[in-house]
Amino acid sequence: MNVSDQLVLMLKDAGVKRIYAITGDSLNPVNDAIRRDGEIEWIHVRHEEAAAYAASMDAELHGIGCCMGSSGPGHVHLVNGLYDANRAGNPVIAIASTVPTGKVGTDYFQETFPQFLFEGCSKYNQAANTPQQFVTMFQQAIQVAKNERGVAVVSLPGDVAAASYDEVVTSEHTYHPKPLYRPQDSELAELAAILNQNEKIAIYAGYGAKDAVGEVEALVEKLQAPLSFSFRGKIFFDKTESKYTCGMNGLLGNPGGFKSLHDADVVLMLGTDFPYAEFVPQDNILIQIDAKPSQIGRRGKVDHGYAGDIKDTIAALLPLVQPKDDYSFAEKYHKEYVREHAHHRDKVNKQTKTDHIHPEAVAVLLDDMADEDAIFTVDVGMTCVWAARLLSPKKGRYMTSSMNHGSMASALPQAIGAAASTKNRQVIALCGDGGLSMSLSELATVMQYQYPIKIVVFNNRSLGMVKLEMEVQGFVDWQTDMVNPPFEKVAELFNIKGYAVRERGELDSTMKEFLAHEGPALLHIYTDPGTLAMPPQVTFDQVKGFAKSAIRKVALGRFSDVGDMVKAGLDAL
């Protein structure tokens, strides 16, 4: 047995079912071991960045993922996807195969230094130079990835991968400890006293509370508290049927979510590392509970910080909390949330001119027509806005994006990871025209495996979010326009069923047919490039920048742009 055979055994013991990679040279011994073993599926993507994104999605859904890259350019391509995985807290094992050990440091063909390359995007990053070293390192890498939730990289020279394996004295197995993790009793008593002594309490839940939905809802009801959530927390907590729901906070958020936090006497943040400190209130009692103590206080002026698993902590806290009976505080923001939700849904039936379909209408129809347990992957930018505001959890839906790293072109490779690892669930990738253009090669992966992914393209002929950012900052938007191919025809060349919609009247029937198609399909929708998405609170500086950009456009003679811009801005405001 060689080192690559042992690698395969350890991956299987850790629960890895699939590897996303492109094989070649130094990676060939590992490829051969996987082939001979026959139990792990090899997914041949077209670019290693997509491999890392797909492995990250696999990990997000199933607890662990694995990707690989061959010497030099192969593993260098992994970097962006691994940054996303590490920041998302997804346990991903990455094998970076390298040049032979005897060639290291000689400026050899395709030589890189992975320990420097991956340092910023991993929680474990080591290079193995002997078979014994590899086994010890690889076991440690798996333990770190799973228990510290992040990326673990092991650099493996091709000659070591092919070398004979001798048993080592360290463990070759993966361990899955599940400790009880909550604040100590005195801290829980202190927290309960604060909640019992104050009336206007708001709860803000993030992705770290995803396994504690029932406990969070029980605490919300006991406190009669408005519930808002981060983008990553939305798909677990954005329940329109709940009378406590008041929406998201942040740039993509809802006024109800933003205001409930700022008007409260006490804000309780549960499992969120929400990055925009300017949206976090400063003038009330701010409490943060997080499984990672290092994250407490880095996004706001926290008055009380507690470390613990959200499920374990709230389960212990609930008996100490006195029930409240005044719903008026939560009711105010829930009504605002309902009004805004209705405002966006109103655009579903509005007729628009050719190639100017409201993106809100697309998102609402998807929300109504998609399966109740569908998995949505979403590109960053304007596409994220409509998904954040209009897609709902239904009964077991899942939604993700590059929410922490904010990278373009994540939706399609994430959808590949979802489809490869999850059978009998609808997978829908919401792509911007910019994002799909960047990940277009992965249509070949979809073609090769015939994953029944449904790809929706929001084509506003621009880098829409960048365009808006420039206008808000007072710049003339320049180099943001895009000339795109007919994506539906491109899809057909990849043996993917293509649809295109340019008129509002065609959208409903085409969407229904598209979602019902049995194999992979792409729906190309020409959306209104002038549709804006404003944050829940518009600042004077943003209005000033918006006006400055309009004046500059007038000076340049771009009158039609200004007209669309002002109309869309007034509508958004």
Protein backbone atom coordinates (compact mmCIF):
# COMPACT_ATOMS: atom_id res chain seq x y z
CA MET A 1 0.00 0.00 0.00
CA ASN A 2 1.29 3.47 -0.83
CA VAL A 3 0.66 6.87 0.76
CA SER A 4 -2.15 7.66 -1.67
CA ASP A 5 -3.97 4.46 -0.67
CA GLN A 6 -3.73 5.51 2.97
CA LEU A 7 -4.97 9.00 2.05
CA VAL A 8 -8.09 7.45 0.51
CA LEU A 9 -8.76 5.31 3.60
CA MET A 10 -8.47 8.37 5.85
CA LEU A 11 -10.78 10.43 3.65
CA LYS A 12 -13.42 7.70 3.80
CA ASP A 13 -13.04 7.45 7.58
CA ALA A 14 -13.62 11.21 7.79
CA GLY A 15 -16.85 10.92 5.79
CA VAL A 16 -15.68 12.26 2.43
CA LYS A 17 -17.84 10.94 -0.42
CA ARG A 18 -16.64 13.12 -3.32
CA ILE A 19 -13.51 14.88 -4.50
CA TYR A 20 -13.67 17.92 -6.77
CA ALA A 21 -10.52 18.29 -8.84
CA ILE A 22 -8.65 18.30 -12.14
CA THR A 23 -6.03 15.59 -12.23
CA GLY A 24 -2.51 15.83 -13.60
CA ASP A 25 1.20 15.09 -13.04
CA SER A 26 1.89 15.19 -9.28
CA LEU A 27 -1.75 14.41 -8.45
CA ASN A 28 -1.87 11.26 -10.58
CA PRO A 29 -0.92 8.80 -7.77
CA VAL A 30 -3.87 10.07 -5.71
CA ASN A 31 -6.16 9.89 -8.72
CA ASP A 32 -5.11 6.28 -9.31
CA ALA A 33 -5.68 5.31 -5.67
CA ILE A 34 -9.18 6.75 -5.76
CA ARG A 35 -9.90 4.88 -9.01
CA ARG A 36 -8.68 1.57 -7.60
CA ASP A 37 -10.62 1.97 -4.35
CA GLY A 38 -13.83 2.80 -6.19
CA GLU A 39 -15.82 4.24 -3.27
CA ILE A 40 -15.10 7.97 -3.54
CA GLU A 41 -16.53 9.82 -6.53
CA TRP A 42 -14.16 12.01 -8.54
CA ILE A 43 -15.93 15.12 -9.92
CA HIS A 44 -13.99 16.53 -12.86
CA VAL A 45 -14.60 20.29 -12.76
CA ARG A 46 -13.18 22.67 -15.36
CA HIS A 47 -11.38 25.06 -13.02
CA GLU A 48 -9.93 24.44 -9.57
CA GLU A 49 -11.60 27.54 -8.13
CA ALA A 50 -14.91 25.83 -8.92
CA ALA A 51 -13.59 22.69 -7.21
CA ALA A 52 -13.03 24.61 -3.99
CA TYR A 53 -16.48 26.25 -4.16
CA ALA A 54 -18.18 22.92 -4.86
CA ALA A 55 -16.30 21.22 -2.00
CA SER A 56 -17.28 24.09 0.29
CA MET A 57 -20.94 23.65 -0.61
CA ASP A 58 -20.66 19.90 -0.05
CA ALA A 59 -19.20 20.64 3.39
CA GLU A 60 -21.88 23.20 4.18
CA LEU A 61 -24.62 20.68 3.44
CA HIS A 62 -22.99 17.47 4.70
CA GLY A 63 -20.24 18.34 7.17
CA ILE A 64 -17.06 17.87 5.13
CA GLY A 65 -15.79 18.47 1.61
CA CYS A 66 -12.60 17.78 -0.32
CA CYS A 67 -10.85 19.37 -3.28
CA MET A 68 -7.46 18.91 -4.87
CA GLY A 69 -5.10 20.77 -7.17
CA SER A 70 -1.99 19.60 -8.97
CA SER A 71 1.43 21.25 -8.94
CA GLY A 72 1.73 24.99 -9.37
CA PRO A 73 -1.14 26.47 -11.37
CA GLY A 74 -3.53 23.70 -10.37
CA HIS A 75 -3.46 24.30 -6.64
CA VAL A 76 -2.97 28.08 -7.04
CA HIS A 77 -6.43 28.16 -8.63
CA LEU A 78 -7.93 26.77 -5.41
CA VAL A 79 -7.12 29.90 -3.43
CA ASN A 80 -10.23 32.03 -3.98
CA GLY A 81 -12.68 29.21 -3.32
CA LEU A 82 -10.74 28.20 -0.21
CA TYR A 83 -10.83 31.77 1.07
CA ASP A 84 -14.60 31.61 0.73
CA ALA A 85 -14.83 28.22 2.45
CA ASN A 86 -12.60 29.24 5.34
CA ARG A 87 -14.47 32.48 5.96
CA ALA A 88 -17.78 30.62 5.77
CA GLY A 89 -16.59 28.12 8.38
CA ASN A 90 -16.99 25.13 6.06
CA PRO A 91 -14.78 22.08 6.83
CA VAL A 92 -12.83 21.52 3.60
CA ILE A 93 -9.79 19.27 3.12
CA ALA A 94 -7.53 20.53 0.33
CA ILE A 95 -4.69 18.51 -1.14
CA ALA A 96 -2.12 20.66 -2.91
CA SER A 97 0.16 18.30 -4.77
CA THR A 98 3.63 19.70 -5.39
CA VAL A 99 6.91 19.10 -7.20
CA PRO A 100 9.15 16.18 -6.13
CA THR A 101 10.89 16.69 -2.81
CA GLY A 102 14.32 16.63 -4.41
CA LYS A 103 13.36 19.59 -6.63
CA VAL A 104 12.04 21.91 -3.93
CA GLY A 105 13.93 25.20 -3.81
CA THR A 106 15.43 24.85 -7.31
CA ASP A 107 12.94 27.04 -9.20
CA TYR A 108 11.65 23.84 -10.75
CA PHE A 109 8.89 23.74 -13.35
CA GLN A 110 5.54 24.64 -11.68
CA GLU A 111 7.17 25.03 -8.27
CA THR A 112 5.25 27.08 -5.72
CA PHE A 113 5.35 27.37 -1.94
CA PRO A 114 1.90 26.31 -0.68
CA GLN A 115 2.64 27.05 2.96
CA PHE A 116 2.88 30.73 2.08
CA LEU A 117 0.16 30.60 -0.58
CA PHE A 118 -2.59 29.16 1.64
CA GLU A 119 -1.66 30.78 4.95
CA GLY A 120 -4.43 33.38 4.81
CA CYS A 121 -7.22 31.00 3.83
CA SER A 122 -6.76 28.03 6.14
CA LYS A 123 -6.81 26.92 9.75
CA TYR A 124 -4.22 24.21 9.09
CA ASN A 125 -1.51 24.40 6.42
CA GLN A 126 1.46 22.05 6.36
CA ALA A 127 3.74 20.33 3.83
CA ALA A 128 4.53 16.62 4.12
CA ASN A 129 7.99 15.54 3.00
CA THR A 130 7.91 11.88 4.15
CA PRO A 131 5.18 9.20 4.23
CA GLN A 132 5.18 9.14 8.04
CA GLN A 133 4.88 12.90 8.18
CA PHE A 134 1.94 12.87 5.79
CA VAL A 135 -0.19 10.44 7.82
CA THR A 136 0.29 12.38 11.06
CA MET A 137 -0.33 15.70 9.34
CA PHE A 138 -3.37 14.47 7.43
CA GLN A 139 -5.08 13.14 10.53
CA GLN A 140 -4.44 16.48 12.23
CA ALA A 141 -5.69 18.37 9.18
CA ILE A 142 -9.00 16.49 9.21
CA GLN A 143 -9.46 17.05 12.95
CA VAL A 144 -8.82 20.78 12.58
CA ALA A 145 -11.12 21.18 9.58
CA LYS A 146 -14.03 19.40 11.26
CA ASN A 147 -13.66 20.73 14.80
CA GLU A 148 -12.46 24.26 14.12
CA ARG A 149 -14.68 24.52 11.04
CA GLY A 150 -12.52 25.75 8.21
CA VAL A 151 -10.01 24.81 5.57
CA ALA A 152 -7.10 22.43 6.14
CA VAL A 153 -4.42 22.23 3.45
CA VAL A 154 -1.81 19.51 3.16
CA SER A 155 0.89 19.88 0.52
CA LEU A 156 1.83 16.50 -0.91
CA PRO A 157 4.80 16.03 -3.29
CA GLY A 158 4.09 13.56 -6.08
CA ASP A 159 6.97 11.27 -5.08
CA VAL A 160 5.68 11.07 -1.49
CA ALA A 161 2.15 10.32 -2.75
CA ALA A 162 3.54 7.32 -4.66
CA ALA A 163 5.87 6.12 -1.88
CA SER A 164 5.30 2.97 0.17
CA TYR A 165 3.38 3.44 3.40
CA ASP A 166 4.51 2.12 6.79
CA GLU A 167 2.29 2.37 9.84
CA VAL A 168 2.94 5.23 12.24
CA VAL A 169 2.39 5.47 15.99
CA THR A 170 -0.15 8.33 15.69
CA SER A 171 -3.84 7.84 14.96
CA GLU A 172 -5.18 7.39 11.43
CA HIS A 173 -8.82 7.92 12.39
CA THR A 174 -11.17 10.88 12.61
CA TYR A 175 -12.82 11.74 15.92
CA HIS A 176 -16.15 13.54 16.32
CA PRO A 177 -16.46 14.89 19.87
CA LYS A 178 -19.74 16.67 20.68
CA PRO A 179 -19.30 18.48 23.98
CA LEU A 180 -22.00 20.42 25.82
CA TYR A 181 -20.97 24.05 25.42
CA ARG A 182 -22.63 26.95 27.21
CA PRO A 183 -21.87 29.82 29.65
CA GLN A 184 -21.47 28.92 33.28
CA ASP A 185 -24.47 29.19 35.61
CA SER A 186 -23.51 32.60 37.05
CA GLU A 187 -23.28 34.06 33.53
CA LEU A 188 -26.66 32.61 32.58
CA ALA A 189 -28.18 34.14 35.71
CA GLU A 190 -26.68 37.52 34.81
CA LEU A 191 -28.06 37.29 31.26
CA ALA A 192 -31.52 36.26 32.46
CA ALA A 193 -31.60 39.20 34.89
CA ILE A 194 -30.90 41.66 32.08
CA LEU A 195 -33.66 40.17 29.92
CA ASN A 196 -36.12 40.09 32.83
CA GLN A 197 -35.45 43.71 33.83
CA ASN A 198 -35.97 45.23 30.37
CA GLU A 199 -39.09 45.37 28.22
CA LYS A 200 -38.00 46.30 24.69
CA ILE A 201 -35.76 43.43 23.67
CA ALA A 202 -34.76 42.63 20.07
CA ILE A 203 -33.12 39.43 18.92
CA TYR A 204 -30.70 39.24 16.01
CA ALA A 205 -29.91 35.70 14.79
CA GLY A 206 -27.19 34.53 12.42
CA TYR A 207 -25.94 31.37 10.76
CA GLY A 208 -24.43 30.22 14.05
CA ALA A 209 -27.97 29.76 15.37
CA LYS A 210 -29.10 27.52 12.48
CA ASP A 211 -29.20 24.40 14.65
CA ALA A 212 -31.21 26.19 17.34
CA VAL A 213 -34.22 27.44 15.36
CA GLY A 214 -36.74 25.95 17.80
CA GLU A 215 -34.91 27.32 20.83
CA VAL A 216 -34.58 30.81 19.31
CA GLU A 217 -38.27 30.87 18.42
CA ALA A 218 -39.18 29.79 21.95
CA LEU A 219 -37.06 32.61 23.41
CA VAL A 220 -38.56 35.14 20.98
CA GLU A 221 -42.08 34.17 22.00
CA LYS A 222 -41.27 34.21 25.70
CA LEU A 223 -39.78 37.70 25.41
CA GLN A 224 -42.35 38.93 22.83
CA ALA A 225 -39.30 40.17 20.93
CA PRO A 226 -38.96 41.21 17.29
CA LEU A 227 -36.69 38.80 15.43
CA SER A 228 -34.28 40.01 12.77
CA PHE A 229 -31.47 38.09 11.14
CA SER A 230 -28.36 38.23 9.00
CA PHE A 231 -28.26 37.18 5.35
CA ARG A 232 -26.78 33.79 6.28
CA GLY A 233 -29.42 33.39 8.99
CA LYS A 234 -32.33 34.40 6.76
CA ILE A 235 -33.16 30.99 5.29
CA PHE A 236 -33.65 29.59 8.81
CA PHE A 237 -35.55 32.46 10.45
CA ASP A 238 -37.35 34.52 7.76
CA LYS A 239 -40.79 33.05 8.36
CA THR A 240 -43.55 35.34 7.10
CA GLU A 241 -46.12 33.37 9.07
CA SER A 242 -44.45 34.30 12.37
CA LYS A 243 -45.78 37.46 14.01
CA TYR A 244 -42.29 38.23 15.37
CA THR A 245 -40.40 38.29 12.05
CA CYS A 246 -39.21 41.78 11.09
CA GLY A 247 -36.58 41.15 8.40
CA MET A 248 -32.87 41.46 7.82
CA ASN A 249 -30.42 44.10 8.94
CA GLY A 250 -27.60 45.48 6.80
CA LEU A 251 -27.11 46.67 3.24
CA LEU A 252 -29.54 44.09 1.87
CA GLY A 253 -31.91 44.43 4.79
CA ASN A 254 -35.40 45.62 5.63
CA PRO A 255 -36.39 48.79 7.49
CA GLY A 256 -38.22 46.71 10.09
CA GLY A 257 -35.13 44.65 10.85
CA PHE A 258 -32.88 47.70 11.06
CA LYS A 259 -35.23 49.81 13.20
CA SER A 260 -36.15 47.06 15.66
CA LEU A 261 -32.50 46.74 16.69
CA HIS A 262 -31.92 50.47 17.02
CA ASP A 263 -35.11 51.16 18.97
CA ALA A 264 -34.65 48.33 21.48
CA ASP A 265 -33.37 48.72 25.04
CA VAL A 266 -31.52 45.40 24.73
CA VAL A 267 -30.23 43.67 21.60
CA LEU A 268 -29.35 39.99 21.89
CA MET A 269 -27.04 38.82 19.07
CA LEU A 270 -27.08 35.05 18.60
CA GLY A 271 -24.44 33.28 16.51
CA THR A 272 -23.71 36.13 14.13
CA ASP A 273 -20.47 37.71 13.01
CA PHE A 274 -22.34 40.32 10.96
CA PRO A 275 -19.55 42.43 9.40
CA TYR A 276 -21.13 45.88 9.01
CA ALA A 277 -20.55 47.55 12.37
CA GLU A 278 -22.25 50.76 11.14
CA PHE A 279 -25.57 48.88 11.12
CA VAL A 280 -25.14 47.59 14.68
CA PRO A 281 -26.76 49.84 17.32
CA GLN A 282 -24.48 51.65 19.76
CA ASP A 283 -26.86 53.27 22.26
CA ASN A 284 -28.51 50.29 23.90
CA ILE A 285 -27.41 47.24 25.88
CA LEU A 286 -25.70 44.96 23.38
CA ILE A 287 -25.30 41.27 24.25
CA GLN A 288 -23.48 38.75 22.08
CA ILE A 289 -23.44 34.96 22.37
CA ASP A 290 -21.10 33.08 20.06
CA ALA A 291 -19.41 29.69 19.88
CA LYS A 292 -16.17 31.50 19.03
CA PRO A 293 -15.16 33.80 21.91
CA SER A 294 -12.66 35.55 19.64
CA GLN A 295 -15.53 37.01 17.62
CA ILE A 296 -17.25 38.72 20.55
CA GLY A 297 -17.13 42.51 20.32
CA ARG A 298 -15.40 42.91 16.98
CA ARG A 299 -18.54 44.23 15.24
CA GLY A 300 -19.98 46.50 17.91
CA LYS A 301 -19.62 47.87 21.43
CA VAL A 302 -20.77 44.73 23.24
CA ASP A 303 -21.72 45.21 26.88
CA HIS A 304 -21.99 41.53 27.76
CA GLY A 305 -20.32 38.68 25.87
CA TYR A 306 -20.91 34.97 26.44
CA ALA A 307 -19.32 31.92 24.79
CA GLY A 308 -21.42 28.91 23.95
CA ASP A 309 -23.27 26.86 21.41
CA ILE A 310 -26.55 28.70 20.74
CA LYS A 311 -28.73 25.60 21.14
CA ASP A 312 -27.09 24.53 24.41
CA THR A 313 -27.09 28.09 25.76
CA ILE A 314 -30.72 28.95 25.05
CA ALA A 315 -31.92 25.57 26.30
CA ALA A 316 -30.30 26.37 29.65
CA LEU A 317 -31.44 30.03 29.58
CA LEU A 318 -35.15 29.52 28.84
CA PRO A 319 -36.18 28.28 32.32
CA LEU A 320 -34.60 31.42 33.84
CA VAL A 321 -36.44 33.91 31.62
CA GLN A 322 -39.71 35.41 32.82
CA PRO A 323 -42.42 35.50 30.13
CA LYS A 324 -43.57 38.91 28.85
CA ASP A 325 -47.05 39.74 27.57
CA ASP A 326 -46.66 43.03 25.67
CA TYR A 327 -46.49 42.37 21.91
CA SER A 328 -46.70 46.02 20.82
CA PHE A 329 -42.94 46.53 20.35
CA ALA A 330 -42.55 43.50 18.07
CA GLU A 331 -45.86 44.22 16.31
CA LYS A 332 -44.68 47.62 15.06
CA TYR A 333 -41.70 46.22 13.16
CA HIS A 334 -43.46 43.09 11.98
CA LYS A 335 -46.08 45.29 10.30
CA GLU A 336 -43.34 47.30 8.60
CA TYR A 337 -41.76 44.08 7.37
CA VAL A 338 -45.10 42.89 5.98
CA ARG A 339 -45.68 46.20 4.18
CA GLU A 340 -42.27 46.16 2.51
CA HIS A 341 -42.63 42.52 1.52
CA ALA A 342 -45.98 43.34 -0.10
CA HIS A 343 -44.40 46.32 -1.91
CA HIS A 344 -41.86 44.08 -3.61
CA ARG A 345 -44.47 41.46 -4.47
CA ASP A 346 -46.63 44.17 -6.08
CA LYS A 347 -44.11 44.31 -8.92
CA VAL A 348 -44.95 40.76 -9.99
CA ASN A 349 -47.94 41.75 -12.08
CA LYS A 350 -46.66 45.08 -13.40
CA GLN A 351 -46.08 45.13 -17.13
CA THR A 352 -42.71 46.42 -18.29
CA LYS A 353 -41.15 47.28 -21.60
CA THR A 354 -39.13 44.74 -23.54
CA ASP A 355 -35.91 43.62 -21.81
CA HIS A 356 -36.86 45.49 -18.61
CA ILE A 357 -38.49 42.79 -16.48
CA HIS A 358 -38.55 43.63 -12.78
CA PRO A 359 -36.03 41.36 -10.99
CA GLU A 360 -38.38 41.38 -7.99
CA ALA A 361 -40.99 39.64 -10.15
CA VAL A 362 -38.46 36.93 -11.02
CA ALA A 363 -37.58 36.33 -7.37
CA VAL A 364 -41.21 36.25 -6.24
CA LEU A 365 -42.20 33.75 -8.94
CA LEU A 366 -39.23 31.57 -7.99
CA ASP A 367 -40.30 31.74 -4.36
CA ASP A 368 -43.83 30.68 -5.33
CA MET A 369 -42.92 27.97 -7.86
CA ALA A 370 -39.74 26.35 -6.53
CA ASP A 371 -39.88 23.20 -4.40
CA GLU A 372 -40.39 23.71 -0.69
CA ASP A 373 -37.04 22.04 0.04
CA ALA A 374 -35.11 23.58 -2.86
CA ILE A 375 -31.45 24.54 -2.49
CA PHE A 376 -30.63 28.04 -3.80
CA THR A 377 -27.12 29.22 -4.60
CA VAL A 378 -26.82 32.92 -5.31
CA ASP A 379 -24.24 35.13 -7.03
CA VAL A 380 -23.16 38.28 -5.21
CA GLY A 381 -24.35 41.69 -6.40
CA MET A 382 -27.90 42.70 -7.28
CA THR A 383 -28.96 39.05 -7.57
CA CYS A 384 -28.20 38.67 -3.87
CA VAL A 385 -30.53 41.57 -3.05
CA TRP A 386 -33.60 39.94 -4.58
CA ALA A 387 -32.81 36.56 -3.04
CA ALA A 388 -32.21 38.14 0.36
CA ARG A 389 -35.46 40.07 0.35
CA LEU A 390 -37.85 37.75 -1.43
CA LEU A 391 -36.92 34.08 -1.10
CA SER A 392 -38.50 32.37 1.89
CA PRO A 393 -37.58 29.21 3.85
CA LYS A 394 -40.82 27.33 3.14
CA LYS A 395 -40.39 23.78 4.54
CA GLY A 396 -36.68 23.06 4.58
CA ARG A 397 -35.21 25.25 1.88
CA TYR A 398 -31.53 26.15 1.94
CA MET A 399 -29.79 29.20 0.51
CA THR A 400 -26.17 30.22 0.32
CA SER A 401 -23.83 32.57 -1.49
CA SER A 402 -20.34 33.97 -1.06
CA MET A 403 -21.73 35.80 1.97
CA ASN A 404 -18.49 36.38 3.89
CA HIS A 405 -15.93 36.56 1.09
CA GLY A 406 -18.20 38.35 -1.39
CA SER A 407 -16.70 36.78 -4.52
CA MET A 408 -18.27 36.88 -7.95
CA ALA A 409 -19.24 33.69 -9.77
CA SER A 410 -19.90 31.42 -6.79
CA ALA A 411 -23.46 30.36 -7.63
CA LEU A 412 -22.79 27.86 -10.42
CA PRO A 413 -19.92 25.93 -8.76
CA GLN A 414 -21.81 25.91 -5.46
CA ALA A 415 -24.81 24.48 -7.31
CA ILE A 416 -22.55 21.76 -8.72
CA GLY A 417 -21.47 20.86 -5.18
CA ALA A 418 -25.11 20.80 -4.05
CA ALA A 419 -26.29 18.67 -6.97
CA ALA A 420 -23.36 16.24 -6.74
CA SER A 421 -23.87 15.67 -3.02
CA THR A 422 -27.65 15.88 -2.65
CA LYS A 423 -30.01 13.75 -4.66
CA ASN A 424 -33.77 14.24 -5.01
CA ARG A 425 -33.70 17.95 -4.16
CA GLN A 426 -34.16 20.79 -6.60
CA VAL A 427 -31.01 22.89 -6.99
CA ILE A 428 -31.41 26.42 -8.37
CA ALA A 429 -28.46 28.71 -9.16
CA LEU A 430 -29.33 32.41 -9.30
CA CYS A 431 -26.62 33.96 -11.47
CA GLY A 432 -25.90 37.50 -12.51
CA ASP A 433 -24.73 38.05 -16.06
CA GLY A 434 -21.31 39.02 -14.67
CA GLY A 435 -21.12 35.98 -12.42
CA LEU A 436 -22.15 33.49 -15.09
CA SER A 437 -19.73 35.02 -17.58
CA MET A 438 -16.92 34.39 -15.11
CA SER A 439 -17.92 30.77 -14.38
CA LEU A 440 -19.13 29.85 -17.87
CA SER A 441 -16.69 26.96 -18.24
CA GLU A 442 -18.50 25.05 -15.49
CA LEU A 443 -21.45 24.54 -17.83
CA ALA A 444 -19.24 21.78 -19.21
CA THR A 445 -19.21 20.12 -15.77
CA VAL A 446 -23.00 20.29 -15.66
CA MET A 447 -23.08 18.81 -19.17
CA GLN A 448 -20.69 15.98 -18.32
CA TYR A 449 -22.65 14.79 -15.28
CA GLN A 450 -26.08 16.03 -16.38
CA TYR A 451 -26.78 17.44 -12.95
CA PRO A 452 -30.40 18.68 -13.08
CA ILE A 453 -29.42 22.18 -11.94
CA LYS A 454 -31.78 25.03 -12.83
CA ILE A 455 -29.72 28.12 -13.72
CA VAL A 456 -31.54 31.47 -13.64
CA VAL A 457 -29.63 34.35 -15.23
CA PHE A 458 -30.55 37.90 -14.17
CA ASN A 459 -29.17 39.81 -17.16
CA ASN A 460 -29.18 43.56 -16.48
CA ARG A 461 -26.32 44.08 -18.95
CA SER A 462 -24.02 45.50 -16.29
CA LEU A 463 -22.12 44.93 -13.09
CA GLY A 464 -25.24 46.21 -11.35
CA MET A 465 -24.09 46.49 -7.75
CA VAL A 466 -20.80 48.11 -8.77
CA LYS A 467 -22.75 50.56 -10.92
CA LEU A 468 -24.94 51.49 -7.95
CA GLU A 469 -21.93 51.79 -5.62
CA MET A 470 -20.27 54.23 -8.02
CA GLU A 471 -23.43 56.34 -8.31
CA VAL A 472 -23.96 56.48 -4.55
CA GLN A 473 -20.34 57.60 -4.12
CA GLY A 474 -20.80 60.36 -6.71
CA PHE A 475 -18.83 58.73 -9.53
CA VAL A 476 -19.96 58.36 -13.13
CA ASP A 477 -20.40 54.65 -13.63
CA TRP A 478 -17.74 53.63 -16.15
CA GLN A 479 -16.65 50.21 -17.37
CA THR A 480 -19.64 48.58 -15.69
CA ASP A 481 -21.67 47.82 -18.82
CA MET A 482 -21.56 44.32 -20.30
CA VAL A 483 -22.22 42.99 -23.79
CA ASN A 484 -23.44 39.45 -23.21
CA PRO A 485 -24.02 36.45 -25.46
CA PRO A 486 -27.47 34.83 -25.67
CA PHE A 487 -26.87 32.63 -22.64
CA GLU A 488 -29.74 30.30 -23.52
CA LYS A 489 -28.05 29.47 -26.84
CA VAL A 490 -24.72 28.97 -25.14
CA ALA A 491 -26.45 26.56 -22.75
CA GLU A 492 -27.87 24.55 -25.66
CA LEU A 493 -24.31 24.02 -26.96
CA PHE A 494 -23.58 22.40 -23.59
CA ASN A 495 -26.59 20.08 -23.88
CA ILE A 496 -28.47 22.17 -21.32
CA LYS A 497 -32.05 23.16 -22.12
CA GLY A 498 -32.14 26.91 -22.76
CA TYR A 499 -34.98 29.40 -22.27
CA ALA A 500 -35.06 33.17 -22.73
CA VAL A 501 -37.60 35.76 -21.54
CA ARG A 502 -37.66 39.33 -22.82
CA GLU A 503 -41.32 40.21 -22.15
CA ARG A 504 -43.09 40.19 -18.79
CA GLY A 505 -46.05 38.33 -20.24
CA GLU A 506 -43.85 35.32 -21.06
CA LEU A 507 -42.30 34.97 -17.62
CA ASP A 508 -44.86 32.92 -15.67
CA SER A 509 -45.39 30.14 -18.22
CA THR A 510 -41.70 29.94 -19.13
CA MET A 511 -40.64 29.80 -15.48
CA LYS A 512 -43.07 26.96 -14.85
CA GLU A 513 -41.83 24.97 -17.86
CA PHE A 514 -38.19 25.67 -16.95
CA LEU A 515 -38.55 24.42 -13.38
CA ALA A 516 -40.44 21.32 -14.54
CA HIS A 517 -37.72 20.29 -17.01
CA GLU A 518 -36.18 17.00 -15.88
CA GLY A 519 -32.55 17.71 -16.72
CA PRO A 520 -30.29 20.75 -16.47
CA ALA A 521 -31.83 23.97 -17.76
CA LEU A 522 -30.93 27.65 -18.05
CA LEU A 523 -33.43 30.52 -17.98
CA HIS A 524 -32.05 33.78 -19.39
CA ILE A 525 -34.10 36.78 -18.19
CA TYR A 526 -33.51 40.31 -19.45
CA THR A 527 -34.08 42.40 -16.32
CA ASP A 528 -34.42 46.15 -15.85
CA PRO A 529 -30.91 47.63 -15.57
CA GLY A 530 -32.33 50.69 -13.81
CA THR A 531 -33.77 48.80 -10.85
CA LEU A 532 -32.07 49.94 -7.66
CA ALA A 533 -31.83 48.35 -4.25
CA MET A 534 -31.48 50.83 -1.43
CA PRO A 535 -30.35 49.93 2.11
CA PRO A 536 -32.88 50.11 4.98
CA GLN A 537 -31.59 53.56 5.95
CA VAL A 538 -30.42 56.04 3.30
CA THR A 539 -27.82 58.52 4.56
CA PHE A 540 -27.43 62.13 3.49
CA ASP A 541 -24.01 61.32 2.01
CA GLN A 542 -25.59 58.63 -0.18
CA VAL A 543 -28.25 61.04 -1.47
CA LYS A 544 -25.56 63.67 -2.09
CA GLY A 545 -23.43 61.17 -4.01
CA PHE A 546 -26.43 60.03 -6.01
CA ALA A 547 -27.18 63.67 -6.99
CA LYS A 548 -23.52 64.38 -7.84
CA SER A 549 -23.44 61.35 -10.16
CA ALA A 550 -26.64 62.53 -11.88
CA ILE A 551 -25.22 66.03 -12.45
CA ARG A 552 -22.05 64.56 -13.96
CA LYS A 553 -24.15 62.41 -16.28
CA VAL A 554 -26.10 65.47 -17.41
CA ALA A 555 -22.78 67.16 -18.23
CA LEU A 556 -21.79 64.15 -20.30
CA GLY A 557 -25.08 64.16 -22.17
CA ARG A 558 -26.34 60.86 -20.73
CA PHE A 559 -29.89 62.14 -20.24
CA SER A 560 -31.68 58.82 -20.64
CA ASP A 561 -29.43 57.33 -17.97
CA VAL A 562 -30.30 60.15 -15.58
CA GLY A 563 -34.02 59.80 -16.21
CA ASP A 564 -33.94 56.09 -15.45
CA MET A 565 -31.71 56.70 -12.47
CA VAL A 566 -33.92 59.37 -10.88
CA LYS A 567 -37.08 57.37 -11.50
CA ALA A 568 -35.58 54.22 -9.98
CA GLY A 569 -34.13 56.19 -7.08
CA LEU A 570 -37.44 57.81 -6.21
CA ASP A 571 -39.18 54.46 -6.44
CA ALA A 572 -36.63 52.85 -4.11
CA LEU A 573 -36.83 55.72 -1.62
